[in-house]
C-alpha cells in the first residue's frame, strides 16, 4: 500500500524502483501476481485517483513488465496484462482536456 501510494503521489525513480522490486520479489505465484494486478486496478479505479496518479500506475506497470520480461516472470506479466487496458482506459477517461495524451502514447 505505502509503496504504491508513493508511486501514485510522487512517481520518482526511487519510488518506482522500490515498488517494482517489491512486486517482482513477492508476486512469485500466479495467485499472488493476480492479487497484485487487481490491487493496482483497484487503486487506479478509485474515483479520487487523478489522471496523473493513474498515469503513474501505468509507469510502474510498464517498468514491472519490462523487468519481468527479462526475468521470464510469466505470472506477473500475465496478471498485469489482464488489467493494463482497464487502467489505461480509466486514465484516458480522466484526461478530459487531453493534457496527458502524449504521455499515454509514450507508455
N, C-alpha and C. Protein backbone atom coordinates (compact mmCIF):
# COMPACT_ATOMS: atom_id res chain seq x y z
N UNK A 1 0.79 -1.20 0.00
CA UNK A 1 0.00 0.00 0.00
C UNK A 1 0.84 1.27 0.00
N UNK A 2 1.79 1.36 0.93
CA UNK A 2 2.60 2.58 1.04
C UNK A 2 3.50 2.78 -0.17
N UNK A 3 4.03 1.70 -0.71
CA UNK A 3 4.89 1.82 -1.88
C UNK A 3 4.10 2.34 -3.08
N UNK A 4 2.89 1.84 -3.25
CA UNK A 4 2.06 2.29 -4.37
C UNK A 4 1.60 3.72 -4.15
N UNK A 5 1.31 4.09 -2.92
CA UNK A 5 0.94 5.48 -2.63
C UNK A 5 2.07 6.42 -3.01
N UNK A 6 3.30 6.04 -2.69
CA UNK A 6 4.45 6.87 -3.05
C UNK A 6 4.57 7.01 -4.56
N UNK A 7 4.35 5.93 -5.29
CA UNK A 7 4.39 5.98 -6.76
C UNK A 7 3.30 6.89 -7.28
N UNK A 8 2.09 6.72 -6.77
CA UNK A 8 0.96 7.49 -7.27
C UNK A 8 1.13 8.98 -6.97
N UNK A 9 1.70 9.29 -5.81
CA UNK A 9 1.80 10.69 -5.41
C UNK A 9 3.01 11.41 -6.01
N UNK A 10 4.17 10.74 -6.05
CA UNK A 10 5.38 11.45 -6.48
C UNK A 10 6.00 10.89 -7.76
N UNK A 11 5.90 9.59 -7.96
CA UNK A 11 6.43 8.91 -9.14
C UNK A 11 7.90 9.23 -9.39
N UNK A 12 8.70 9.11 -8.35
CA UNK A 12 10.14 9.28 -8.51
C UNK A 12 10.75 7.97 -9.00
N UNK A 13 11.97 8.04 -9.53
CA UNK A 13 12.65 6.82 -9.95
C UNK A 13 12.80 5.87 -8.77
N UNK A 14 13.08 6.42 -7.59
CA UNK A 14 13.26 5.60 -6.40
C UNK A 14 11.96 4.92 -5.99
N UNK A 15 10.84 5.64 -6.05
CA UNK A 15 9.57 5.02 -5.65
C UNK A 15 9.17 3.92 -6.64
N UNK A 16 9.42 4.15 -7.93
CA UNK A 16 9.15 3.11 -8.94
C UNK A 16 10.04 1.89 -8.68
N UNK A 17 11.32 2.13 -8.43
CA UNK A 17 12.26 1.04 -8.17
C UNK A 17 11.84 0.23 -6.95
N UNK A 18 11.50 0.89 -5.87
CA UNK A 18 11.10 0.18 -4.65
C UNK A 18 9.83 -0.63 -4.86
N UNK A 19 8.85 -0.04 -5.53
CA UNK A 19 7.59 -0.77 -5.77
C UNK A 19 7.82 -1.94 -6.72
N UNK A 20 8.60 -1.72 -7.79
CA UNK A 20 8.89 -2.81 -8.72
C UNK A 20 9.64 -3.94 -8.03
N UNK A 21 10.61 -3.60 -7.23
CA UNK A 21 11.38 -4.61 -6.51
C UNK A 21 10.46 -5.43 -5.61
N UNK A 22 9.55 -4.77 -4.93
CA UNK A 22 8.63 -5.49 -4.05
C UNK A 22 7.72 -6.40 -4.87
N UNK A 23 7.15 -5.86 -5.95
CA UNK A 23 6.22 -6.64 -6.78
C UNK A 23 6.92 -7.87 -7.35
N UNK A 24 8.07 -7.68 -7.97
CA UNK A 24 8.76 -8.82 -8.60
C UNK A 24 9.30 -9.80 -7.57
N UNK A 25 9.57 -9.33 -6.36
CA UNK A 25 10.08 -10.21 -5.31
C UNK A 25 9.00 -10.96 -4.55
N UNK A 26 7.77 -10.45 -4.61
CA UNK A 26 6.70 -11.05 -3.81
C UNK A 26 5.59 -11.71 -4.62
N UNK A 27 5.45 -11.36 -5.86
CA UNK A 27 4.40 -11.96 -6.71
C UNK A 27 4.99 -13.16 -7.43
N UNK A 28 5.32 -14.19 -6.66
CA UNK A 28 6.02 -15.34 -7.24
C UNK A 28 5.13 -16.54 -7.50
N UNK A 29 3.84 -16.32 -7.53
CA UNK A 29 2.90 -17.36 -7.96
C UNK A 29 1.82 -16.68 -8.77
N UNK A 30 1.08 -17.45 -9.53
CA UNK A 30 0.03 -16.85 -10.35
C UNK A 30 -1.04 -16.18 -9.48
N UNK A 31 -1.35 -16.77 -8.34
CA UNK A 31 -2.35 -16.19 -7.45
C UNK A 31 -1.86 -14.86 -6.86
N UNK A 32 -0.63 -14.83 -6.39
CA UNK A 32 -0.08 -13.59 -5.83
C UNK A 32 0.01 -12.51 -6.90
N UNK A 33 0.44 -12.89 -8.09
CA UNK A 33 0.53 -11.93 -9.19
C UNK A 33 -0.86 -11.39 -9.54
N UNK A 34 -1.85 -12.26 -9.54
CA UNK A 34 -3.22 -11.83 -9.81
C UNK A 34 -3.67 -10.79 -8.79
N UNK A 35 -3.38 -11.03 -7.51
CA UNK A 35 -3.74 -10.07 -6.47
C UNK A 35 -3.04 -8.73 -6.66
N UNK A 36 -1.79 -8.76 -7.08
CA UNK A 36 -1.06 -7.51 -7.35
C UNK A 36 -1.76 -6.74 -8.47
N UNK A 37 -2.07 -7.42 -9.56
CA UNK A 37 -2.76 -6.77 -10.67
C UNK A 37 -4.11 -6.20 -10.26
N UNK A 38 -4.86 -6.96 -9.48
CA UNK A 38 -6.17 -6.49 -9.03
C UNK A 38 -6.04 -5.30 -8.09
N UNK A 39 -5.00 -5.30 -7.25
CA UNK A 39 -4.78 -4.18 -6.34
C UNK A 39 -4.43 -2.91 -7.13
N UNK A 40 -3.61 -3.04 -8.15
CA UNK A 40 -3.28 -1.89 -8.98
C UNK A 40 -4.54 -1.35 -9.66
N UNK A 41 -5.37 -2.25 -10.17
CA UNK A 41 -6.63 -1.84 -10.80
C UNK A 41 -7.54 -1.17 -9.78
N UNK A 42 -7.64 -1.74 -8.59
CA UNK A 42 -8.47 -1.17 -7.52
C UNK A 42 -8.05 0.25 -7.20
N UNK A 43 -6.75 0.47 -7.06
CA UNK A 43 -6.25 1.81 -6.71
C UNK A 43 -6.46 2.79 -7.88
N UNK A 44 -6.28 2.33 -9.09
CA UNK A 44 -6.47 3.20 -10.25
C UNK A 44 -7.95 3.52 -10.47
N UNK A 45 -8.82 2.60 -10.08
CA UNK A 45 -10.26 2.79 -10.28
C UNK A 45 -10.90 3.65 -9.19
N UNK A 46 -10.14 3.96 -8.15
CA UNK A 46 -10.67 4.80 -7.08
C UNK A 46 -11.12 6.13 -7.69
N UNK A 47 -12.37 6.54 -7.43
CA UNK A 47 -12.86 7.79 -8.01
C UNK A 47 -12.02 9.02 -7.63
N UNK A 48 -11.30 8.94 -6.52
CA UNK A 48 -10.46 10.06 -6.09
C UNK A 48 -9.10 10.07 -6.78
N UNK A 49 -8.76 9.01 -7.52
CA UNK A 49 -7.46 8.96 -8.21
C UNK A 49 -7.48 9.91 -9.41
N UNK A 50 -6.49 10.75 -9.47
CA UNK A 50 -6.42 11.70 -10.59
C UNK A 50 -5.86 11.01 -11.83
N UNK A 51 -5.98 11.68 -12.94
CA UNK A 51 -5.40 11.17 -14.19
C UNK A 51 -3.89 10.96 -14.01
N UNK A 52 -3.24 11.94 -13.39
CA UNK A 52 -1.79 11.86 -13.15
C UNK A 52 -1.44 10.64 -12.31
N UNK A 53 -2.21 10.36 -11.27
CA UNK A 53 -1.94 9.21 -10.42
C UNK A 53 -2.14 7.90 -11.19
N UNK A 54 -3.13 7.86 -12.03
CA UNK A 54 -3.37 6.67 -12.84
C UNK A 54 -2.24 6.48 -13.85
N UNK A 55 -1.74 7.57 -14.39
CA UNK A 55 -0.59 7.51 -15.29
C UNK A 55 0.63 6.95 -14.55
N UNK A 56 0.80 7.34 -13.31
CA UNK A 56 1.92 6.84 -12.52
C UNK A 56 1.81 5.33 -12.29
N UNK A 57 0.59 4.83 -12.12
CA UNK A 57 0.40 3.37 -12.01
C UNK A 57 0.82 2.71 -13.31
N UNK A 58 0.48 3.32 -14.44
CA UNK A 58 0.89 2.77 -15.74
C UNK A 58 2.40 2.77 -15.89
N UNK A 59 3.06 3.82 -15.41
CA UNK A 59 4.53 3.85 -15.45
C UNK A 59 5.11 2.69 -14.65
N UNK A 60 4.55 2.46 -13.47
CA UNK A 60 5.01 1.34 -12.63
C UNK A 60 4.78 0.02 -13.35
N UNK A 61 3.61 -0.15 -13.93
CA UNK A 61 3.30 -1.39 -14.64
C UNK A 61 4.24 -1.60 -15.81
N UNK A 62 4.52 -0.54 -16.55
CA UNK A 62 5.43 -0.63 -17.68
C UNK A 62 6.82 -1.09 -17.21
N UNK A 63 7.29 -0.51 -16.12
CA UNK A 63 8.59 -0.88 -15.58
C UNK A 63 8.59 -2.34 -15.12
N UNK A 64 7.52 -2.74 -14.44
CA UNK A 64 7.42 -4.13 -13.99
C UNK A 64 7.40 -5.10 -15.17
N UNK A 65 6.63 -4.77 -16.20
CA UNK A 65 6.56 -5.64 -17.37
C UNK A 65 7.91 -5.75 -18.07
N UNK A 66 8.60 -4.63 -18.17
CA UNK A 66 9.92 -4.63 -18.80
C UNK A 66 10.89 -5.55 -18.05
N UNK A 67 10.94 -5.41 -16.75
CA UNK A 67 11.87 -6.22 -15.95
C UNK A 67 11.39 -7.67 -15.81
N UNK A 68 10.09 -7.86 -15.76
CA UNK A 68 9.55 -9.23 -15.68
C UNK A 68 9.86 -10.00 -16.96
N UNK A 69 9.82 -9.33 -18.09
CA UNK A 69 10.15 -9.99 -19.36
C UNK A 69 11.60 -10.46 -19.36
N UNK A 70 12.49 -9.64 -18.81
CA UNK A 70 13.90 -10.03 -18.73
C UNK A 70 14.10 -11.26 -17.85
N UNK A 71 13.25 -11.37 -16.81
CA UNK A 71 13.37 -12.48 -15.85
C UNK A 71 12.46 -13.65 -16.21
N UNK A 72 11.72 -13.51 -17.30
CA UNK A 72 10.75 -14.54 -17.73
C UNK A 72 9.75 -14.84 -16.62
N UNK A 73 9.30 -13.79 -15.93
CA UNK A 73 8.33 -13.92 -14.83
C UNK A 73 6.92 -13.86 -15.42
N UNK A 74 6.50 -14.98 -15.99
CA UNK A 74 5.24 -15.01 -16.73
C UNK A 74 4.00 -14.76 -15.86
N UNK A 75 4.05 -15.14 -14.59
CA UNK A 75 2.88 -14.93 -13.74
C UNK A 75 2.54 -13.45 -13.62
N UNK A 76 3.54 -12.63 -13.33
CA UNK A 76 3.27 -11.20 -13.17
C UNK A 76 2.98 -10.56 -14.53
N UNK A 77 3.62 -11.02 -15.57
CA UNK A 77 3.32 -10.50 -16.91
C UNK A 77 1.85 -10.75 -17.25
N UNK A 78 1.40 -11.96 -17.06
CA UNK A 78 0.00 -12.30 -17.37
C UNK A 78 -0.97 -11.51 -16.52
N UNK A 79 -0.66 -11.36 -15.23
CA UNK A 79 -1.56 -10.64 -14.32
C UNK A 79 -1.66 -9.17 -14.70
N UNK A 80 -0.54 -8.55 -15.04
CA UNK A 80 -0.57 -7.13 -15.40
C UNK A 80 -1.22 -6.91 -16.75
N UNK A 81 -1.00 -7.84 -17.68
CA UNK A 81 -1.64 -7.71 -18.99
C UNK A 81 -3.16 -7.78 -18.88
N UNK A 82 -3.66 -8.45 -17.87
CA UNK A 82 -5.11 -8.57 -17.69
C UNK A 82 -5.75 -7.26 -17.24
N UNK A 83 -4.99 -6.37 -16.62
CA UNK A 83 -5.57 -5.13 -16.09
C UNK A 83 -5.08 -3.86 -16.77
N UNK A 84 -4.04 -3.96 -17.58
CA UNK A 84 -3.45 -2.74 -18.14
C UNK A 84 -4.41 -1.97 -19.03
N UNK A 85 -5.22 -2.64 -19.81
CA UNK A 85 -6.15 -1.95 -20.70
C UNK A 85 -7.20 -1.20 -19.88
N UNK A 86 -7.70 -1.81 -18.83
CA UNK A 86 -8.69 -1.15 -17.98
C UNK A 86 -8.10 0.08 -17.30
N UNK A 87 -6.86 -0.02 -16.83
CA UNK A 87 -6.22 1.12 -16.18
C UNK A 87 -5.94 2.23 -17.19
N UNK A 88 -5.51 1.86 -18.37
CA UNK A 88 -5.29 2.85 -19.42
C UNK A 88 -6.59 3.56 -19.78
N UNK A 89 -7.67 2.80 -19.88
CA UNK A 89 -8.99 3.38 -20.15
C UNK A 89 -9.38 4.37 -19.06
N UNK A 90 -9.21 3.97 -17.79
CA UNK A 90 -9.56 4.86 -16.67
C UNK A 90 -8.74 6.14 -16.70
N UNK A 91 -7.47 6.00 -17.00
CA UNK A 91 -6.59 7.17 -17.04
C UNK A 91 -6.97 8.10 -18.18
N UNK A 92 -7.21 7.53 -19.35
CA UNK A 92 -7.58 8.36 -20.51
C UNK A 92 -8.94 9.02 -20.28
N UNK A 93 -9.84 8.31 -19.64
CA UNK A 93 -11.16 8.85 -19.36
C UNK A 93 -11.05 10.07 -18.42
N UNK A 94 -10.11 10.03 -17.49
CA UNK A 94 -9.92 11.13 -16.55
C UNK A 94 -9.19 12.31 -17.19
N UNK A 95 -8.59 12.11 -18.35
CA UNK A 95 -7.84 13.15 -19.05
C UNK A 95 -8.78 13.90 -19.99
N UNK A 96 -9.74 14.61 -19.42
CA UNK A 96 -10.79 15.23 -20.22
C UNK A 96 -10.30 16.28 -21.20
N UNK A 97 -9.21 16.96 -20.89
CA UNK A 97 -8.73 18.01 -21.79
C UNK A 97 -7.53 17.59 -22.64
N UNK A 98 -7.12 16.33 -22.53
CA UNK A 98 -6.04 15.82 -23.36
C UNK A 98 -4.64 16.20 -22.93
N UNK A 99 -4.50 16.74 -21.74
CA UNK A 99 -3.19 17.17 -21.23
C UNK A 99 -2.17 16.05 -21.23
N UNK A 100 -2.61 14.86 -20.83
CA UNK A 100 -1.68 13.74 -20.67
C UNK A 100 -1.60 12.83 -21.89
N UNK A 101 -2.30 13.15 -22.93
CA UNK A 101 -2.34 12.29 -24.12
C UNK A 101 -0.94 11.91 -24.64
N UNK A 102 -0.02 12.87 -24.79
CA UNK A 102 1.32 12.49 -25.28
C UNK A 102 2.03 11.48 -24.35
N UNK A 103 1.76 11.59 -23.06
CA UNK A 103 2.39 10.67 -22.11
C UNK A 103 1.79 9.28 -22.23
N UNK A 104 0.49 9.19 -22.48
CA UNK A 104 -0.14 7.88 -22.70
C UNK A 104 0.43 7.20 -23.93
N UNK A 105 0.66 8.00 -24.95
CA UNK A 105 1.19 7.43 -26.20
C UNK A 105 2.61 6.91 -26.03
N UNK A 106 3.38 7.48 -25.13
CA UNK A 106 4.73 7.01 -24.86
C UNK A 106 4.74 5.69 -24.09
N UNK A 107 3.77 5.56 -23.18
CA UNK A 107 3.72 4.35 -22.36
C UNK A 107 3.24 3.21 -23.22
